[in-house]
Amino acid sequence: MKLEDKIHVLQFFLTICNCLFLVTTHLLSNRHDELQTVAVGLLSVGLVVLAVAALGFVAAHCEARLMLLLYMAFLIVLVLGQLFISLVLLLSQKKIERALDEAVDRMIISYADSRGLTASHRLLDKLQRYEKCCGRTGPDDWKMNLYIIQNLTNQDVLPCSCFNTSCPRVAGEDHPLFGAPIGNNSYQEVQ
């Protein structure tokens, strides 16, 4: 096989790898304190992957050997870096889980407060509908909600996203975000 053919095969392979890294970058960019650190870390890794992918694209397009070697070195460093980050995340898994639990509990407590529904509250609604669950550990989590405690006379209510049917009206209340469980029409616990 001629050298020129080898370069074309390498160029094709690196273009494929480049496309995979661009897809990975896009997926990573769609991903407080500890959670924010993890998110910023993932975003940073995504940006580095994007820069390395751009270098690979330019190197493959220009057929520059030095740039291809540099691209290969960056790929090796990225793989090792991602293994290291995975190890760190694995070792701090309990800490991250605790932070996530606290964040969900704060969202449940502040749901439908004076600010109305924020993006995080809408995300919680979507999560409950999609996963067919209610609260973090079950419907009893909603007894901590400040709006329910302070404003509703019937405190045995749940957000409409907790029901597997249409949201049943609360007797004597006219609130579009909450409904009263009748029988077994709400999701009981996280599966």
N, C-alpha and C. Protein backbone atom coordinates (compact mmCIF):
# COMPACT_ATOMS: atom_id res chain seq x y z
N MET A 1 0.85 -1.18 0.00
CA MET A 1 0.00 0.00 0.00
C MET A 1 0.89 1.24 0.00
N LYS A 2 0.60 2.14 -0.92
CA LYS A 2 1.40 3.36 -1.04
C LYS A 2 1.18 4.25 0.17
N LEU A 3 2.14 5.13 0.38
CA LEU A 3 2.06 6.08 1.49
C LEU A 3 0.84 6.99 1.34
N GLU A 4 0.56 7.38 0.13
CA GLU A 4 -0.60 8.26 -0.12
C GLU A 4 -1.91 7.56 0.25
N ASP A 5 -2.01 6.27 -0.06
CA ASP A 5 -3.20 5.51 0.31
C ASP A 5 -3.33 5.38 1.83
N LYS A 6 -2.19 5.16 2.49
CA LYS A 6 -2.20 5.08 3.95
C LYS A 6 -2.69 6.39 4.56
N ILE A 7 -2.25 7.49 4.01
CA ILE A 7 -2.68 8.80 4.51
C ILE A 7 -4.18 8.98 4.31
N HIS A 8 -4.71 8.54 3.19
CA HIS A 8 -6.15 8.65 2.94
C HIS A 8 -6.95 7.78 3.91
N VAL A 9 -6.44 6.57 4.19
CA VAL A 9 -7.12 5.71 5.16
C VAL A 9 -7.08 6.35 6.55
N LEU A 10 -5.91 6.88 6.92
CA LEU A 10 -5.79 7.56 8.20
C LEU A 10 -6.70 8.78 8.26
N GLN A 11 -6.76 9.53 7.16
CA GLN A 11 -7.62 10.70 7.10
C GLN A 11 -9.09 10.30 7.29
N PHE A 12 -9.51 9.22 6.65
CA PHE A 12 -10.89 8.74 6.79
C PHE A 12 -11.15 8.32 8.23
N PHE A 13 -10.22 7.55 8.83
CA PHE A 13 -10.39 7.08 10.21
C PHE A 13 -10.46 8.26 11.18
N LEU A 14 -9.59 9.24 11.02
CA LEU A 14 -9.60 10.40 11.92
C LEU A 14 -10.85 11.25 11.73
N THR A 15 -11.38 11.32 10.53
CA THR A 15 -12.62 12.03 10.31
C THR A 15 -13.77 11.34 11.03
N ILE A 16 -13.79 10.01 11.00
CA ILE A 16 -14.81 9.25 11.74
C ILE A 16 -14.67 9.52 13.24
N CYS A 17 -13.43 9.44 13.75
CA CYS A 17 -13.19 9.72 15.18
C CYS A 17 -13.60 11.14 15.53
N ASN A 18 -13.30 12.06 14.64
CA ASN A 18 -13.66 13.46 14.85
C ASN A 18 -15.17 13.61 14.98
N CYS A 19 -15.91 12.96 14.10
CA CYS A 19 -17.38 13.02 14.18
C CYS A 19 -17.88 12.44 15.49
N LEU A 20 -17.29 11.33 15.93
CA LEU A 20 -17.68 10.74 17.21
C LEU A 20 -17.40 11.70 18.37
N PHE A 21 -16.27 12.37 18.34
CA PHE A 21 -15.94 13.32 19.39
C PHE A 21 -16.87 14.53 19.35
N LEU A 22 -17.26 14.97 18.16
CA LEU A 22 -18.20 16.08 18.08
C LEU A 22 -19.56 15.69 18.67
N VAL A 23 -20.00 14.47 18.40
CA VAL A 23 -21.26 13.98 18.98
C VAL A 23 -21.12 13.90 20.49
N THR A 24 -19.99 13.37 20.97
CA THR A 24 -19.74 13.29 22.41
C THR A 24 -19.75 14.67 23.05
N THR A 25 -19.13 15.64 22.38
CA THR A 25 -19.12 17.00 22.89
C THR A 25 -20.54 17.54 23.02
N HIS A 26 -21.35 17.29 22.03
CA HIS A 26 -22.74 17.76 22.09
C HIS A 26 -23.48 17.10 23.25
N LEU A 27 -23.29 15.81 23.43
CA LEU A 27 -23.96 15.11 24.52
C LEU A 27 -23.48 15.60 25.88
N LEU A 28 -22.17 15.88 26.02
CA LEU A 28 -21.64 16.35 27.29
C LEU A 28 -22.10 17.77 27.61
N SER A 29 -22.30 18.59 26.59
CA SER A 29 -22.72 19.96 26.86
C SER A 29 -24.17 20.04 27.28
N ASN A 30 -24.97 18.95 27.01
CA ASN A 30 -26.35 18.94 27.46
C ASN A 30 -26.43 18.32 28.86
N ARG A 31 -25.51 18.17 29.55
CA ARG A 31 -25.46 17.56 30.91
C ARG A 31 -25.53 18.56 32.06
N HIS A 32 -25.49 23.50 44.48
CA HIS A 32 -25.27 23.58 44.04
C HIS A 32 -23.87 23.37 44.20
N ASP A 33 -23.71 23.29 44.68
CA ASP A 33 -22.30 23.53 44.71
C ASP A 33 -21.55 22.36 44.08
N GLU A 34 -21.72 21.19 44.64
CA GLU A 34 -21.04 20.04 44.07
C GLU A 34 -21.61 19.69 42.72
N LEU A 35 -22.93 19.82 42.58
CA LEU A 35 -23.56 19.54 41.29
C LEU A 35 -23.09 20.54 40.25
N GLN A 36 -22.93 21.78 40.64
CA GLN A 36 -22.45 22.80 39.72
C GLN A 36 -21.01 22.49 39.31
N THR A 37 -20.21 22.02 40.25
CA THR A 37 -18.84 21.66 39.94
C THR A 37 -18.80 20.53 38.93
N VAL A 38 -19.64 19.52 39.13
CA VAL A 38 -19.70 18.41 38.18
C VAL A 38 -20.14 18.91 36.81
N ALA A 39 -21.17 19.79 36.79
CA ALA A 39 -21.66 20.32 35.52
C ALA A 39 -20.59 21.14 34.81
N VAL A 40 -19.89 21.99 35.56
CA VAL A 40 -18.83 22.80 34.95
C VAL A 40 -17.69 21.90 34.46
N GLY A 41 -17.39 20.85 35.22
CA GLY A 41 -16.36 19.91 34.81
C GLY A 41 -16.73 19.22 33.51
N LEU A 42 -17.96 18.78 33.42
CA LEU A 42 -18.42 18.12 32.19
C LEU A 42 -18.40 19.09 31.01
N LEU A 43 -18.82 20.34 31.25
CA LEU A 43 -18.80 21.34 30.19
C LEU A 43 -17.36 21.62 29.74
N SER A 44 -16.45 21.70 30.71
CA SER A 44 -15.04 21.94 30.37
C SER A 44 -14.47 20.80 29.54
N VAL A 45 -14.76 19.58 29.96
CA VAL A 45 -14.29 18.42 29.20
C VAL A 45 -14.88 18.47 27.79
N GLY A 46 -16.16 18.84 27.68
CA GLY A 46 -16.79 18.95 26.37
C GLY A 46 -16.11 19.98 25.49
N LEU A 47 -15.74 21.12 26.07
CA LEU A 47 -15.06 22.15 25.29
C LEU A 47 -13.67 21.69 24.84
N VAL A 48 -12.97 20.98 25.71
CA VAL A 48 -11.65 20.45 25.34
C VAL A 48 -11.80 19.42 24.21
N VAL A 49 -12.81 18.57 24.33
CA VAL A 49 -13.06 17.58 23.29
C VAL A 49 -13.39 18.28 21.97
N LEU A 50 -14.16 19.35 22.03
CA LEU A 50 -14.49 20.11 20.83
C LEU A 50 -13.23 20.69 20.19
N ALA A 51 -12.34 21.25 21.01
CA ALA A 51 -11.10 21.82 20.48
C ALA A 51 -10.22 20.72 19.86
N VAL A 52 -10.13 19.58 20.53
CA VAL A 52 -9.32 18.48 20.00
C VAL A 52 -9.95 17.95 18.71
N ALA A 53 -11.27 17.88 18.66
CA ALA A 53 -11.95 17.41 17.45
C ALA A 53 -11.69 18.38 16.29
N ALA A 54 -11.71 19.68 16.59
CA ALA A 54 -11.42 20.67 15.55
C ALA A 54 -9.98 20.52 15.05
N LEU A 55 -9.05 20.28 15.98
CA LEU A 55 -7.67 20.06 15.59
C LEU A 55 -7.56 18.82 14.70
N GLY A 56 -8.26 17.76 15.05
CA GLY A 56 -8.25 16.54 14.25
C GLY A 56 -8.82 16.76 12.86
N PHE A 57 -9.89 17.54 12.80
CA PHE A 57 -10.49 17.83 11.50
C PHE A 57 -9.52 18.59 10.60
N VAL A 58 -8.91 19.62 11.17
CA VAL A 58 -7.96 20.43 10.39
C VAL A 58 -6.76 19.57 10.00
N ALA A 59 -6.27 18.76 10.93
CA ALA A 59 -5.10 17.92 10.64
C ALA A 59 -5.41 16.91 9.55
N ALA A 60 -6.58 16.29 9.60
CA ALA A 60 -6.95 15.30 8.58
C ALA A 60 -7.18 15.98 7.24
N HIS A 61 -7.78 17.16 7.28
CA HIS A 61 -8.06 17.87 6.02
C HIS A 61 -6.77 18.35 5.35
N CYS A 62 -5.86 18.88 6.17
CA CYS A 62 -4.60 19.41 5.61
C CYS A 62 -3.54 18.32 5.42
N GLU A 63 -3.80 17.14 5.96
CA GLU A 63 -2.86 16.03 5.89
C GLU A 63 -1.50 16.41 6.47
N ALA A 64 -1.54 17.14 7.59
CA ALA A 64 -0.31 17.57 8.25
C ALA A 64 0.08 16.53 9.30
N ARG A 65 1.22 15.89 9.10
CA ARG A 65 1.64 14.80 9.98
C ARG A 65 1.85 15.26 11.41
N LEU A 66 2.47 16.42 11.59
CA LEU A 66 2.74 16.92 12.93
C LEU A 66 1.42 17.19 13.68
N MET A 67 0.48 17.77 12.97
CA MET A 67 -0.83 18.04 13.59
C MET A 67 -1.55 16.73 13.90
N LEU A 68 -1.40 15.72 13.04
CA LEU A 68 -2.02 14.43 13.31
C LEU A 68 -1.41 13.77 14.54
N LEU A 69 -0.08 13.88 14.69
CA LEU A 69 0.57 13.34 15.89
C LEU A 69 0.12 14.10 17.14
N LEU A 70 -0.02 15.40 17.01
CA LEU A 70 -0.51 16.21 18.13
C LEU A 70 -1.94 15.82 18.48
N TYR A 71 -2.74 15.61 17.46
CA TYR A 71 -4.13 15.17 17.65
C TYR A 71 -4.16 13.82 18.38
N MET A 72 -3.31 12.89 17.96
CA MET A 72 -3.26 11.59 18.60
C MET A 72 -2.84 11.72 20.06
N ALA A 73 -1.85 12.56 20.34
CA ALA A 73 -1.40 12.77 21.72
C ALA A 73 -2.53 13.36 22.57
N PHE A 74 -3.27 14.33 22.03
CA PHE A 74 -4.40 14.92 22.76
C PHE A 74 -5.48 13.88 23.01
N LEU A 75 -5.72 12.99 22.04
CA LEU A 75 -6.72 11.94 22.24
C LEU A 75 -6.32 11.01 23.38
N ILE A 76 -5.05 10.66 23.44
CA ILE A 76 -4.58 9.79 24.52
C ILE A 76 -4.74 10.51 25.87
N VAL A 77 -4.36 11.78 25.93
CA VAL A 77 -4.51 12.55 27.16
C VAL A 77 -5.98 12.66 27.55
N LEU A 78 -6.86 12.86 26.57
CA LEU A 78 -8.30 12.96 26.85
C LEU A 78 -8.85 11.66 27.41
N VAL A 79 -8.47 10.55 26.83
CA VAL A 79 -8.95 9.25 27.32
C VAL A 79 -8.48 9.04 28.75
N LEU A 80 -7.21 9.32 29.02
CA LEU A 80 -6.69 9.16 30.37
C LEU A 80 -7.38 10.14 31.34
N GLY A 81 -7.61 11.36 30.89
CA GLY A 81 -8.32 12.34 31.72
C GLY A 81 -9.74 11.92 32.02
N GLN A 82 -10.42 11.38 31.04
CA GLN A 82 -11.79 10.93 31.27
C GLN A 82 -11.83 9.72 32.20
N LEU A 83 -10.85 8.85 32.11
CA LEU A 83 -10.76 7.73 33.06
C LEU A 83 -10.54 8.25 34.48
N PHE A 84 -9.69 9.26 34.62
CA PHE A 84 -9.43 9.85 35.93
C PHE A 84 -10.69 10.50 36.49
N ILE A 85 -11.40 11.26 35.66
CA ILE A 85 -12.63 11.92 36.11
C ILE A 85 -13.68 10.88 36.48
N SER A 86 -13.78 9.82 35.70
CA SER A 86 -14.72 8.75 36.03
C SER A 86 -14.39 8.13 37.37
N LEU A 87 -13.11 7.92 37.65
CA LEU A 87 -12.69 7.37 38.93
C LEU A 87 -13.04 8.32 40.08
N VAL A 88 -12.79 9.61 39.90
CA VAL A 88 -13.12 10.59 40.93
C VAL A 88 -14.63 10.63 41.17
N LEU A 89 -15.42 10.61 40.11
CA LEU A 89 -16.87 10.60 40.26
C LEU A 89 -17.35 9.33 40.94
N LEU A 90 -16.73 8.22 40.63
CA LEU A 90 -17.10 6.96 41.26
C LEU A 90 -16.78 6.99 42.75
N LEU A 91 -15.65 7.57 43.11
CA LEU A 91 -15.27 7.63 44.51
C LEU A 91 -16.13 8.61 45.31
N SER A 92 -16.67 9.63 44.66
CA SER A 92 -17.51 10.61 45.37
C SER A 92 -18.99 10.41 45.05
N GLN A 93 -19.36 9.21 44.67
CA GLN A 93 -20.74 8.91 44.28
C GLN A 93 -21.73 9.20 45.40
N LYS A 94 -21.43 8.80 46.61
CA LYS A 94 -22.35 9.02 47.75
C LYS A 94 -22.54 10.50 48.01
N LYS A 95 -21.48 11.26 47.91
CA LYS A 95 -21.55 12.70 48.13
C LYS A 95 -22.43 13.37 47.07
N ILE A 96 -22.28 12.94 45.84
CA ILE A 96 -23.08 13.48 44.74
C ILE A 96 -24.54 13.08 44.91
N GLU A 97 -24.78 11.82 45.30
CA GLU A 97 -26.15 11.37 45.54
C GLU A 97 -26.81 12.19 46.64
N ARG A 98 -26.07 12.46 47.73
CA ARG A 98 -26.61 13.28 48.82
C ARG A 98 -26.95 14.69 48.33
N ALA A 99 -26.06 15.26 47.53
CA ALA A 99 -26.30 16.61 47.00
C ALA A 99 -27.53 16.61 46.09
N LEU A 100 -27.69 15.57 45.27
CA LEU A 100 -28.87 15.47 44.41
C LEU A 100 -30.15 15.32 45.25
N ASP A 101 -30.09 14.49 46.29
CA ASP A 101 -31.25 14.32 47.17
C ASP A 101 -31.64 15.65 47.81
N GLU A 102 -30.65 16.39 48.28
CA GLU A 102 -30.92 17.70 48.91
C GLU A 102 -31.51 18.68 47.90
N ALA A 103 -31.00 18.65 46.67
CA ALA A 103 -31.52 19.55 45.63
C ALA A 103 -32.97 19.23 45.31
N VAL A 104 -33.32 17.94 45.20
CA VAL A 104 -34.71 17.56 44.92
C VAL A 104 -35.60 17.93 46.10
N ASP A 105 -35.12 17.72 47.32
CA ASP A 105 -35.91 18.11 48.49
C ASP A 105 -36.17 19.61 48.51
N ARG A 106 -35.16 20.41 48.16
CA ARG A 106 -35.37 21.87 48.10
C ARG A 106 -36.39 22.24 47.02
N MET A 107 -36.35 21.53 45.88
CA MET A 107 -37.33 21.80 44.82
C MET A 107 -38.74 21.46 45.30
N ILE A 108 -38.89 20.37 46.02
CA ILE A 108 -40.21 19.97 46.52
C ILE A 108 -40.71 20.99 47.54
N ILE A 109 -39.84 21.43 48.44
CA ILE A 109 -40.25 22.39 49.46
C ILE A 109 -40.68 23.71 48.84
N SER A 110 -39.97 24.18 47.82
CA SER A 110 -40.27 25.49 47.24
C SER A 110 -41.21 25.43 46.05
N TYR A 111 -41.73 24.27 45.70
CA TYR A 111 -42.62 24.11 44.54
C TYR A 111 -43.83 25.02 44.67
N ALA A 112 -44.12 25.79 43.64
CA ALA A 112 -45.29 26.69 43.57
C ALA A 112 -45.25 27.76 44.64
N ASP A 113 -44.08 28.23 45.03
CA ASP A 113 -44.01 29.32 46.00
C ASP A 113 -44.31 30.64 45.33
N SER A 114 -43.96 31.73 45.96
CA SER A 114 -44.32 33.06 45.44
C SER A 114 -43.72 33.36 44.07
N ARG A 115 -42.67 32.66 43.69
CA ARG A 115 -42.06 32.89 42.38
C ARG A 115 -42.79 32.14 41.28
N GLY A 116 -43.75 31.29 41.65
CA GLY A 116 -44.43 30.47 40.65
C GLY A 116 -43.57 29.27 40.30
N LEU A 117 -43.82 28.69 39.15
CA LEU A 117 -43.04 27.52 38.73
C LEU A 117 -41.79 27.97 38.00
N THR A 118 -40.67 27.58 38.52
CA THR A 118 -39.40 27.89 37.87
C THR A 118 -39.05 26.74 36.91
N ALA A 119 -37.96 26.89 36.21
CA ALA A 119 -37.52 25.84 35.28
C ALA A 119 -37.25 24.54 36.03
N SER A 120 -36.67 24.64 37.22
CA SER A 120 -36.38 23.41 37.98
C SER A 120 -37.67 22.73 38.43
N HIS A 121 -38.72 23.52 38.74
CA HIS A 121 -40.01 22.92 39.12
C HIS A 121 -40.66 22.24 37.92
N ARG A 122 -40.56 22.86 36.76
CA ARG A 122 -41.12 22.22 35.56
C ARG A 122 -40.35 20.94 35.23
N LEU A 123 -39.03 20.95 35.46
CA LEU A 123 -38.23 19.75 35.26
C LEU A 123 -38.68 18.65 36.22
N LEU A 124 -38.96 19.01 37.47
CA LEU A 124 -39.45 18.04 38.44
C LEU A 124 -40.79 17.46 38.00
N ASP A 125 -41.68 18.30 37.48
CA ASP A 125 -42.96 17.81 36.95
C ASP A 125 -42.75 16.81 35.82
N LYS A 126 -41.89 17.17 34.88
CA LYS A 126 -41.62 16.27 33.74
C LYS A 126 -41.02 14.96 34.21
N LEU A 127 -40.12 15.04 35.17
CA LEU A 127 -39.48 13.84 35.69
C LEU A 127 -40.52 12.93 36.35
N GLN A 128 -41.42 13.51 37.15
CA GLN A 128 -42.43 12.70 37.82
C GLN A 128 -43.38 12.06 36.82
N ARG A 129 -43.75 12.80 35.77
CA ARG A 129 -44.65 12.22 34.75
C ARG A 129 -43.95 11.11 33.98
N TYR A 130 -42.73 11.38 33.56
CA TYR A 130 -42.01 10.43 32.73
C TYR A 130 -41.66 9.16 33.50
N GLU A 131 -41.19 9.32 34.72
CA GLU A 131 -40.78 8.18 35.52
C GLU A 131 -41.93 7.54 36.30
N LYS A 132 -43.13 8.17 36.21
CA LYS A 132 -44.31 7.67 36.91
C LYS A 132 -44.03 7.51 38.41
N CYS A 133 -43.53 8.61 38.99
CA CYS A 133 -43.23 8.60 40.42
C CYS A 133 -43.80 9.87 41.04
N CYS A 134 -43.72 9.94 42.35
CA CYS A 134 -44.23 11.11 43.07
C CYS A 134 -43.29 11.41 44.22
N GLY A 135 -42.62 12.55 44.16
CA GLY A 135 -41.65 12.90 45.19
C GLY A 135 -40.34 12.15 44.99
N ARG A 136 -39.43 12.37 45.91
CA ARG A 136 -38.14 11.69 45.80
C ARG A 136 -38.24 10.26 46.28
N THR A 137 -38.93 10.04 47.41
CA THR A 137 -39.07 8.68 47.93
C THR A 137 -40.52 8.22 47.94
N GLY A 138 -41.46 9.12 47.67
CA GLY A 138 -42.88 8.78 47.66
C GLY A 138 -43.72 10.02 47.87
N PRO A 139 -45.04 9.89 47.81
CA PRO A 139 -45.94 11.04 47.94
C PRO A 139 -45.81 11.78 49.27
N ASP A 140 -45.35 11.12 50.33
CA ASP A 140 -45.22 11.79 51.62
C ASP A 140 -44.19 12.93 51.58
N ASP A 141 -43.29 12.93 50.61
CA ASP A 141 -42.31 14.02 50.49
C ASP A 141 -43.01 15.36 50.30
N TRP A 142 -44.20 15.35 49.70
CA TRP A 142 -44.90 16.60 49.41
C TRP A 142 -45.53 17.23 50.64
N LYS A 143 -45.51 16.55 51.77
CA LYS A 143 -46.01 17.15 53.01
C LYS A 143 -45.07 18.23 53.51
N MET A 144 -43.86 18.30 52.97
CA MET A 144 -42.90 19.35 53.33
C MET A 144 -43.09 20.62 52.51
N ASN A 145 -43.92 20.60 51.47
CA ASN A 145 -44.07 21.74 50.57
C ASN A 145 -44.66 22.94 51.30
N LEU A 146 -43.97 24.07 51.23
CA LEU A 146 -44.39 25.28 51.95
C LEU A 146 -45.72 25.83 51.44
N TYR A 147 -45.95 25.76 50.14
CA TYR A 147 -47.20 26.28 49.60
C TYR A 147 -48.39 25.49 50.13
N ILE A 148 -48.28 24.19 50.15
CA ILE A 148 -49.37 23.34 50.65
C ILE A 148 -49.61 23.63 52.13
N ILE A 149 -48.53 23.74 52.90
CA ILE A 149 -48.66 23.98 54.34
C ILE A 149 -49.30 25.34 54.62
N GLN A 150 -48.90 26.38 53.88
CA GLN A 150 -49.33 27.74 54.18
C GLN A 150 -50.63 28.16 53.51
N ASN A 151 -50.98 27.61 52.35
CA ASN A 151 -52.08 28.17 51.57
C ASN A 151 -53.28 27.25 51.35
N LEU A 152 -53.11 25.97 51.47
CA LEU A 152 -54.22 25.07 51.16
C LEU A 152 -54.82 24.51 52.45
N THR A 153 -56.15 24.55 52.52
CA THR A 153 -56.81 24.02 53.71
C THR A 153 -56.73 22.51 53.75
N ASN A 154 -56.88 21.86 52.60
CA ASN A 154 -56.73 20.41 52.51
C ASN A 154 -55.28 20.12 52.20
N GLN A 155 -54.54 19.61 53.17
CA GLN A 155 -53.11 19.39 52.96
C GLN A 155 -52.81 18.00 52.43
N ASP A 156 -53.83 17.23 52.13
CA ASP A 156 -53.62 15.91 51.53
C ASP A 156 -53.73 16.05 50.01
N VAL A 157 -52.82 16.86 49.45
CA VAL A 157 -52.81 17.12 48.01
C VAL A 157 -51.43 16.81 47.45
N LEU A 158 -51.40 16.61 46.15
CA LEU A 158 -50.16 16.34 45.44
C LEU A 158 -50.13 17.17 44.16
N PRO A 159 -48.96 17.43 43.61
CA PRO A 159 -48.91 18.13 42.32
C PRO A 159 -49.57 17.28 41.24
N CYS A 160 -50.11 17.93 40.25
CA CYS A 160 -50.79 17.21 39.17
C CYS A 160 -49.87 16.22 38.46
N SER A 161 -48.56 16.47 38.48
CA SER A 161 -47.63 15.56 37.81
C SER A 161 -47.50 14.22 38.54
N CYS A 162 -48.10 14.10 39.73
CA CYS A 162 -48.04 12.85 40.50
C CYS A 162 -49.17 11.89 40.14
N PHE A 163 -50.08 12.30 39.28
CA PHE A 163 -51.25 11.46 39.01
C PHE A 163 -51.11 10.73 37.68
N ASN A 164 -51.56 9.49 37.67
CA ASN A 164 -51.50 8.71 36.44
C ASN A 164 -52.77 8.89 35.61
N THR A 165 -53.66 9.74 36.07
CA THR A 165 -54.87 10.12 35.33
C THR A 165 -54.89 11.63 35.28
N SER A 166 -56.00 12.20 34.86
CA SER A 166 -56.09 13.65 34.88
C SER A 166 -56.08 14.12 36.34
N CYS A 167 -55.71 15.34 36.55
CA CYS A 167 -55.53 15.88 37.90
C CYS A 167 -56.89 16.11 38.56
N PRO A 168 -57.19 15.36 39.63
CA PRO A 168 -58.48 15.54 40.30
C PRO A 168 -58.53 16.85 41.08
N ARG A 169 -59.67 17.51 41.02
CA ARG A 169 -59.84 18.80 41.71
C ARG A 169 -59.81 18.61 43.22
N VAL A 170 -59.27 19.61 43.90
CA VAL A 170 -59.28 19.62 45.36
C VAL A 170 -60.58 20.28 45.79
N ALA A 171 -61.34 19.61 46.65
CA ALA A 171 -62.62 20.17 47.12
C ALA A 171 -62.38 21.48 47.85
N GLY A 172 -63.11 22.51 47.44
CA GLY A 172 -63.01 23.82 48.07
C GLY A 172 -61.81 24.64 47.64
N GLU A 173 -60.99 24.14 46.78
CA GLU A 173 -59.80 24.87 46.32
C GLU A 173 -59.86 24.98 44.80
N ASP A 174 -59.26 26.03 44.28
CA ASP A 174 -59.19 26.18 42.83
C ASP A 174 -57.73 26.44 42.46
N HIS A 175 -56.93 25.42 42.56
CA HIS A 175 -55.51 25.57 42.25
C HIS A 175 -55.14 24.59 41.14
N PRO A 176 -54.66 25.11 39.99
CA PRO A 176 -54.40 24.24 38.84
C PRO A 176 -53.18 23.33 38.98
N LEU A 177 -52.31 23.56 39.98
CA LEU A 177 -51.10 22.77 40.10
C LEU A 177 -51.24 21.56 41.01
N PHE A 178 -52.29 21.54 41.82
CA PHE A 178 -52.43 20.48 42.81
C PHE A 178 -53.75 19.76 42.67
N GLY A 179 -53.75 18.49 43.04
CA GLY A 179 -54.95 17.68 43.02
C GLY A 179 -54.99 16.78 44.24
N ALA A 180 -56.17 16.30 44.58
CA ALA A 180 -56.32 15.42 45.74
C ALA A 180 -56.35 13.97 45.29
N PRO A 181 -55.54 13.12 45.91
CA PRO A 181 -55.56 11.70 45.53
C PRO A 181 -56.90 11.05 45.89
N ILE A 182 -57.45 10.32 44.95
CA ILE A 182 -58.69 9.59 45.17
C ILE A 182 -58.39 8.12 44.93
N GLY A 183 -58.46 7.32 45.96
CA GLY A 183 -58.14 5.90 45.79
C GLY A 183 -56.67 5.73 45.51
N ASN A 184 -56.36 5.08 44.42
CA ASN A 184 -54.96 4.77 44.09
C ASN A 184 -54.61 5.33 42.72
N ASN A 185 -54.87 6.63 42.51
CA ASN A 185 -54.61 7.21 41.20
C ASN A 185 -53.32 8.03 41.16
N SER A 186 -52.53 7.98 42.22
CA SER A 186 -51.24 8.68 42.20
C SER A 186 -50.12 7.66 42.20
N TYR A 187 -48.97 8.09 41.71
CA TYR A 187 -47.81 7.22 41.72
C TYR A 187 -47.35 7.10 43.15
N GLN A 188 -47.01 5.92 43.60
CA GLN A 188 -46.75 5.70 45.02
C GLN A 188 -45.30 5.91 45.42
N GLU A 189 -44.36 5.44 44.68
CA GLU A 189 -42.98 5.57 45.07
C GLU A 189 -42.07 5.44 43.86
N VAL A 190 -40.83 5.84 44.07
CA VAL A 190 -39.86 5.74 43.00
C VAL A 190 -39.60 4.27 42.70
N GLN A 191 -39.59 3.93 41.42
CA GLN A 191 -39.40 2.53 41.03
C GLN A 191 -37.95 2.26 40.72
